[in-house]
Amino acid sequence: MNPGSLILAPLRGVTVRTFREVWARHFSGLDAAVSPFVPLVAGDRVKPGLLADVDPALPQGIPVVPQVIGRDPQLLRVMIAALKNKGHARVDLNAGCPWPMVVRKGRGAGLMAREDDFRRMLEAGCEALPGGFSVKVRLGVDTPDLLLRRMPVINAVPLCEVAIHARTARQMYEGPVDLGRFAEACEACIHPVVYNGDIRAPADLTRLQTRFPRVTRWMIGRGVAADPFLPERLRAGSGAEAPRDLARFRAYLDDLLEANRAVLFGERPVLGRFKELWYYLSQSLTDGPQTLKRIQHSATLDDYRRAVDAWFARAPGWIPERNGMES
């Protein structure tokens, strides 16, 4: 079965430009990426440094769609103008971030709870970027019925697509995805829909494609962080498993380390980035929790390297297949 389009989901602190660039040197299978969100800022101009992660002049590895977050329509117009000046023809609005401190401020998933603000942001984005503005949402904040109630607002503007994470903000990333509520939202939405949530194995994608034949675009974030081979495995399908070569995985980790050292100042931020990445990797690797604990206690890059060397020395491998939607 053709997997359709595979899109890298935004994962703050992980799927940044260096990750996308290095991943694309070692792996394949992703058609595009949505960047970790860029916050809207006060003023009538945007400092170039704020857009460094999505700067087309820098190697991106994968075609990237900038994602922005905020709730002021005028600041959205300013940001879109700055991104258009950089050459971007697509911008995505984050209306799905579940972190409580974001939601409380009416941003991310909290924007959906403020119907008038949500409407004004969608209208401003579509006016500023005709044919190129999209939104990423959740099923709701506390309950999974909010998205369906907001569908008249979503359908009233010419969005190019709507990405739906099939959980509420309250769930964060825990508990099962709600495919029943996703089905209702998908049926009610007049725009192209992108599915997001718990695609971690070829069987997951096969199940979703069978249930939602209308959907042809699939967003994967934590799954790629945990298993960089995942897009290739999804394209191979359930019946033709793509090999996960450890030498290739090691080359990717080494390349990613050097790429981060080249753009970050000092060992601490580099260590922080790899501690975050290994939180996800540990979920897919044998001895993953033990290795993660050692990496989390690393005080220097030499400590980190020793922890990784120790993992590769223990005849490592990947944990048995576990479908994300059955975990």
Protein backbone atom coordinates (compact mmCIF):
# COMPACT_ATOMS: atom_id res chain seq x y z
CA MET A 1 0.00 0.00 0.00
CA ASN A 2 1.37 3.42 -0.96
CA PRO A 3 2.10 5.29 2.29
CA GLY A 4 1.27 8.67 0.76
CA SER A 5 3.12 11.71 2.08
CA LEU A 6 5.15 11.41 5.27
CA ILE A 7 5.74 14.67 7.13
CA LEU A 8 8.11 15.23 10.05
CA ALA A 9 6.12 16.69 12.94
CA PRO A 10 7.52 19.57 14.99
CA LEU A 11 9.22 18.41 18.17
CA ARG A 12 10.62 21.33 20.12
CA GLY A 13 14.31 20.99 20.91
CA VAL A 14 14.67 17.89 18.73
CA THR A 15 13.55 18.29 15.09
CA VAL A 16 15.51 21.50 14.58
CA ARG A 17 17.47 22.36 11.44
CA THR A 18 20.60 20.39 12.38
CA PHE A 19 18.48 17.30 13.06
CA ARG A 20 16.66 17.62 9.74
CA GLU A 21 19.87 18.20 7.80
CA VAL A 22 21.78 15.30 9.37
CA TRP A 23 18.82 12.92 9.28
CA ALA A 24 18.44 13.48 5.53
CA ARG A 25 22.12 12.65 4.98
CA HIS A 26 21.66 9.19 6.47
CA PHE A 27 18.02 8.28 5.93
CA SER A 28 15.17 8.83 3.49
CA GLY A 29 11.40 8.63 3.24
CA LEU A 30 10.19 12.01 4.51
CA ASP A 31 8.53 14.36 2.04
CA ALA A 32 8.51 17.49 4.20
CA ALA A 33 8.92 18.78 7.73
CA VAL A 34 7.02 21.26 9.87
CA SER A 35 9.43 23.23 12.03
CA PRO A 36 9.25 23.58 15.79
CA PHE A 37 7.17 26.69 16.41
CA VAL A 38 8.50 30.22 16.01
CA PRO A 39 6.81 32.60 18.50
CA LEU A 40 5.12 35.73 17.24
CA VAL A 41 6.94 38.79 18.60
CA ALA A 42 5.89 42.36 19.25
CA GLY A 43 6.88 45.04 16.77
CA ASP A 44 6.70 45.69 13.07
CA ARG A 45 9.72 43.60 12.11
CA VAL A 46 11.15 40.18 12.91
CA LYS A 47 14.82 39.80 13.81
CA PRO A 48 16.59 37.43 11.40
CA GLY A 49 17.93 35.30 14.24
CA LEU A 50 14.41 34.25 15.16
CA LEU A 51 14.05 32.63 11.74
CA ALA A 52 17.44 30.91 11.63
CA ASP A 53 15.91 27.46 12.07
CA VAL A 54 13.82 27.86 8.91
CA ASP A 55 16.25 29.96 6.85
CA PRO A 56 16.23 28.53 3.29
CA ALA A 57 19.77 29.86 2.84
CA LEU A 58 20.96 27.21 5.32
CA PRO A 59 20.93 23.47 4.62
CA GLN A 60 17.58 22.05 5.69
CA GLY A 61 17.79 18.47 4.42
CA ILE A 62 14.01 18.25 4.04
CA PRO A 63 11.62 20.87 2.61
CA VAL A 64 10.44 22.75 5.68
CA VAL A 65 7.18 24.55 6.49
CA PRO A 66 7.66 27.16 9.24
CA GLN A 67 5.23 26.84 12.13
CA VAL A 68 4.30 29.88 14.24
CA ILE A 69 2.53 30.25 17.57
CA GLY A 70 0.63 33.16 19.11
CA ARG A 71 -2.80 34.80 19.14
CA ASP A 72 -2.32 38.33 17.76
CA PRO A 73 -3.47 38.60 14.12
CA GLN A 74 -1.36 41.68 13.39
CA LEU A 75 1.80 40.00 14.68
CA LEU A 76 0.91 37.00 12.53
CA ARG A 77 0.77 39.26 9.47
CA VAL A 78 4.20 40.68 10.32
CA MET A 79 5.65 37.19 10.78
CA ILE A 80 4.19 35.90 7.52
CA ALA A 81 5.61 38.90 5.66
CA ALA A 82 9.06 38.13 7.10
CA LEU A 83 8.78 34.47 6.13
CA LYS A 84 7.62 35.36 2.62
CA ASN A 85 10.66 37.62 2.29
CA LYS A 86 12.77 34.56 3.13
CA GLY A 87 11.13 32.70 0.26
CA HIS A 88 8.56 30.63 2.15
CA ALA A 89 5.25 29.98 0.40
CA ARG A 90 3.77 27.96 3.29
CA VAL A 91 3.19 28.78 6.97
CA ASP A 92 1.51 26.64 9.63
CA LEU A 93 -0.26 27.90 12.76
CA ASN A 94 0.24 25.94 15.97
CA ALA A 95 -3.17 25.54 17.60
CA GLY A 96 -2.28 22.22 19.19
CA CYS A 97 0.63 22.66 21.62
CA PRO A 98 -0.55 20.96 24.83
CA TRP A 99 1.87 22.42 27.37
CA PRO A 100 -0.17 24.01 30.20
CA MET A 101 1.86 27.24 30.35
CA VAL A 102 1.18 27.76 26.63
CA VAL A 103 -2.49 26.77 26.80
CA ARG A 104 -3.17 29.11 29.74
CA LYS A 105 -2.01 32.06 27.64
CA GLY A 106 -4.46 31.24 24.86
CA ARG A 107 -1.76 29.93 22.55
CA GLY A 108 -1.30 26.49 21.06
CA ALA A 109 -4.29 24.34 21.93
CA GLY A 110 -5.51 27.18 24.14
CA LEU A 111 -6.22 29.22 21.00
CA MET A 112 -8.99 26.79 20.04
CA ALA A 113 -10.76 27.53 23.33
CA ARG A 114 -11.01 31.24 22.38
CA GLU A 115 -13.30 31.09 19.38
CA ASP A 116 -13.01 34.74 18.32
CA ASP A 117 -9.20 34.75 18.62
CA PHE A 118 -9.05 31.46 16.72
CA ARG A 119 -11.23 32.85 13.93
CA ARG A 120 -9.23 36.07 13.63
CA MET A 121 -5.93 34.18 13.45
CA LEU A 122 -7.18 31.86 10.72
CA GLU A 123 -8.62 34.76 8.74
CA ALA A 124 -5.42 36.81 9.07
CA GLY A 125 -3.22 33.90 8.01
CA CYS A 126 -5.31 33.05 4.97
CA GLU A 127 -5.45 36.71 3.90
CA ALA A 128 -1.69 37.17 4.31
CA LEU A 129 -0.75 33.94 2.54
CA PRO A 130 -3.52 32.86 0.14
CA GLY A 131 -3.33 29.16 -0.62
CA GLY A 132 -0.39 28.57 1.70
CA PHE A 133 -1.71 28.78 5.26
CA SER A 134 -2.51 25.73 7.38
CA VAL A 135 -3.25 24.90 11.00
CA LYS A 136 -2.30 22.09 13.37
CA VAL A 137 -4.88 21.31 16.05
CA ARG A 138 -5.90 18.78 18.68
CA LEU A 139 -9.30 17.27 19.37
CA GLY A 140 -9.77 19.75 22.19
CA VAL A 141 -8.28 21.09 25.39
CA ASP A 142 -9.99 19.19 28.21
CA THR A 143 -12.57 17.25 26.20
CA PRO A 144 -12.43 15.81 22.66
CA ASP A 145 -15.50 17.61 21.35
CA LEU A 146 -14.02 21.10 20.92
CA LEU A 147 -12.53 20.56 17.46
CA LEU A 148 -15.88 19.45 16.06
CA ARG A 149 -17.49 22.58 17.53
CA ARG A 150 -14.78 24.72 15.90
CA MET A 151 -15.16 23.07 12.50
CA PRO A 152 -17.50 25.83 11.18
CA VAL A 153 -14.71 28.34 11.90
CA ILE A 154 -12.14 26.12 10.19
CA ASN A 155 -14.35 25.45 7.17
CA ALA A 156 -15.11 29.16 6.71
CA VAL A 157 -11.54 30.02 5.65
CA PRO A 158 -9.46 28.73 2.69
CA LEU A 159 -6.86 26.68 4.57
CA CYS A 160 -4.56 24.51 2.47
CA GLU A 161 -4.68 21.70 5.07
CA VAL A 162 -5.56 20.86 8.66
CA ALA A 163 -3.29 18.58 10.70
CA ILE A 164 -5.07 16.86 13.58
CA HIS A 165 -3.33 15.24 16.54
CA ALA A 166 -5.91 12.73 17.74
CA ARG A 167 -5.66 13.59 21.44
CA THR A 168 -6.74 16.41 23.73
CA ALA A 169 -4.27 18.86 25.22
CA ARG A 170 -4.98 17.44 28.68
CA GLN A 171 -3.74 14.06 27.48
CA MET A 172 -0.45 15.58 26.34
CA TYR A 173 1.09 12.52 24.64
CA GLU A 174 -0.32 9.90 27.01
CA GLY A 175 -3.16 7.45 26.62
CA PRO A 176 -4.64 6.15 23.39
CA VAL A 177 -5.38 8.27 20.35
CA ASP A 178 -9.12 8.76 19.79
CA LEU A 179 -9.71 7.49 16.27
CA GLY A 180 -13.48 7.77 16.62
CA ARG A 181 -13.28 11.51 17.30
CA PHE A 182 -10.68 11.89 14.57
CA ALA A 183 -13.08 10.20 12.14
CA GLU A 184 -15.83 12.67 13.06
CA ALA A 185 -13.51 15.66 12.58
CA CYS A 186 -12.15 14.29 9.32
CA GLU A 187 -15.67 13.80 7.97
CA ALA A 188 -16.71 17.32 9.00
CA CYS A 189 -13.62 19.10 7.61
CA ILE A 190 -13.77 20.35 4.01
CA HIS A 191 -9.99 20.81 3.80
CA PRO A 192 -7.29 18.17 3.21
CA VAL A 193 -6.59 16.48 6.55
CA VAL A 194 -3.23 15.31 7.90
CA TYR A 195 -3.27 12.62 10.59
CA ASN A 196 -0.88 12.89 13.57
CA GLY A 197 -0.48 10.62 16.58
CA ASP A 198 1.29 7.36 17.51
CA ILE A 199 2.50 6.12 14.13
CA ARG A 200 5.43 4.02 15.33
CA ALA A 201 5.31 0.94 13.12
CA PRO A 202 4.24 -0.07 9.60
CA ALA A 203 1.19 -1.85 11.05
CA ASP A 204 0.01 1.45 12.55
CA LEU A 205 0.03 3.17 9.18
CA THR A 206 -1.66 0.23 7.47
CA ARG A 207 -4.43 0.29 10.07
CA LEU A 208 -4.95 4.03 9.61
CA GLN A 209 -4.93 3.88 5.83
CA THR A 210 -7.55 1.15 5.89
CA ARG A 211 -9.81 3.10 8.23
CA PHE A 212 -9.26 6.54 6.67
CA PRO A 213 -8.85 6.11 2.89
CA ARG A 214 -9.44 9.84 2.35
CA VAL A 215 -6.28 10.74 4.31
CA THR A 216 -3.06 10.63 2.29
CA ARG A 217 -0.75 12.73 4.47
CA TRP A 218 0.71 11.42 7.71
CA MET A 219 2.68 13.32 10.33
CA ILE A 220 5.29 11.52 12.45
CA GLY A 221 7.47 13.15 15.09
CA ARG A 222 8.25 11.15 18.21
CA GLY A 223 8.38 8.00 16.11
CA VAL A 224 11.21 9.40 13.97
CA ALA A 225 13.09 10.68 17.02
CA ALA A 226 12.82 7.21 18.56
CA ASP A 227 13.64 5.32 15.35
CA PRO A 228 15.28 7.29 12.53
CA PHE A 229 14.65 4.34 10.20
CA LEU A 230 10.87 4.67 10.64
CA PRO A 231 10.04 6.54 7.38
CA GLU A 232 11.92 3.92 5.35
CA ARG A 233 10.16 1.14 7.25
CA LEU A 234 6.77 2.76 6.62
CA ARG A 235 7.52 2.96 2.90
CA ALA A 236 8.63 -0.69 2.85
CA GLY A 237 5.35 -1.71 4.49
CA SER A 238 4.48 -4.42 6.98
CA GLY A 239 5.44 -7.30 4.71
CA ALA A 240 8.91 -6.11 3.64
CA GLU A 241 10.75 -4.87 6.70
CA ALA A 242 13.57 -2.42 5.91
CA PRO A 243 16.81 -3.32 7.72
CA ARG A 244 18.02 -1.17 10.60
CA ASP A 245 21.79 -1.21 10.23
CA LEU A 246 23.71 -0.37 13.40
CA ALA A 247 26.73 1.02 11.52
CA ARG A 248 24.44 3.45 9.75
CA PHE A 249 22.79 4.37 13.05
CA ARG A 250 26.20 5.01 14.63
CA ALA A 251 27.29 7.20 11.71
CA TYR A 252 24.09 9.22 12.11
CA LEU A 253 24.68 9.76 15.84
CA ASP A 254 28.30 10.77 15.30
CA ASP A 255 27.39 13.14 12.47
CA LEU A 256 24.60 14.67 14.54
CA LEU A 257 26.97 15.25 17.44
CA GLU A 258 29.48 17.10 15.28
CA ALA A 259 26.75 19.14 13.59
CA ASN A 260 25.43 20.29 16.95
CA ARG A 261 28.90 21.11 18.23
CA ALA A 262 29.35 23.33 15.18
CA VAL A 263 26.26 25.46 15.87
CA LEU A 264 25.87 25.42 19.66
CA PHE A 265 28.20 27.18 22.08
CA GLY A 266 29.74 24.97 24.73
CA GLU A 267 29.14 21.40 25.85
CA ARG A 268 26.08 22.03 28.01
CA PRO A 269 23.61 22.89 25.21
CA VAL A 270 24.93 20.01 23.09
CA LEU A 271 24.49 17.61 26.00
CA GLY A 272 21.01 18.97 26.63
CA ARG A 273 20.00 18.32 23.05
CA PHE A 274 21.27 14.73 23.13
CA LYS A 275 19.69 13.99 26.49
CA GLU A 276 16.39 15.04 24.93
CA LEU A 277 16.97 12.91 21.82
CA TRP A 278 17.93 9.85 23.84
CA TYR A 279 14.72 10.14 25.83
CA TYR A 280 13.02 9.08 22.59
CA LEU A 281 15.72 6.72 21.32
CA SER A 282 15.69 4.79 24.60
CA GLN A 283 12.11 3.73 23.88
CA SER A 284 13.21 1.78 20.78
CA LEU A 285 16.58 0.34 21.80
CA THR A 286 17.56 -2.67 23.86
CA ASP A 287 19.00 -1.49 27.19
CA GLY A 288 17.49 1.87 26.31
CA PRO A 289 16.43 2.91 29.83
CA GLN A 290 19.82 1.95 31.26
CA THR A 291 21.65 3.91 28.57
CA LEU A 292 19.34 6.91 28.98
CA LYS A 293 20.05 7.00 32.71
CA ARG A 294 23.79 7.02 32.06
CA ILE A 295 23.44 9.75 29.42
CA GLN A 296 21.26 11.86 31.71
CA HIS A 297 24.02 11.73 34.31
CA SER A 298 26.68 12.76 31.78
CA ALA A 299 28.42 16.00 32.75
CA THR A 300 30.66 16.22 29.69
CA LEU A 301 30.60 15.14 26.07
CA ASP A 302 33.25 12.56 26.92
CA ASP A 303 30.82 11.07 29.45
CA TYR A 304 28.16 11.01 26.74
CA ARG A 305 30.48 9.33 24.24
CA ARG A 306 31.42 6.65 26.77
CA ALA A 307 27.75 5.93 27.43
CA VAL A 308 27.05 5.55 23.71
CA ASP A 309 30.19 3.45 23.18
CA ALA A 310 29.06 1.17 26.00
CA TRP A 311 25.68 0.68 24.36
CA PHE A 312 27.23 -0.26 21.01
CA ALA A 313 29.64 -2.63 22.80
CA ARG A 314 26.78 -4.63 24.36
CA ALA A 315 25.62 -6.32 21.13
CA PRO A 316 22.80 -3.80 20.88
CA GLY A 317 19.63 -3.92 18.88
CA TRP A 318 16.06 -2.76 18.57
CA ILE A 319 13.27 -3.86 20.87
CA PRO A 320 10.64 -6.17 19.35
CA GLU A 321 8.05 -4.42 17.24
CA ARG A 322 5.30 -2.73 19.22
CA ASN A 323 2.51 -0.98 17.41
CA GLY A 324 2.10 2.54 18.78
CA MET A 325 -1.69 2.29 18.85
CA GLU A 326 -1.68 -0.92 20.81
CA SER A 327 0.74 0.20 23.53
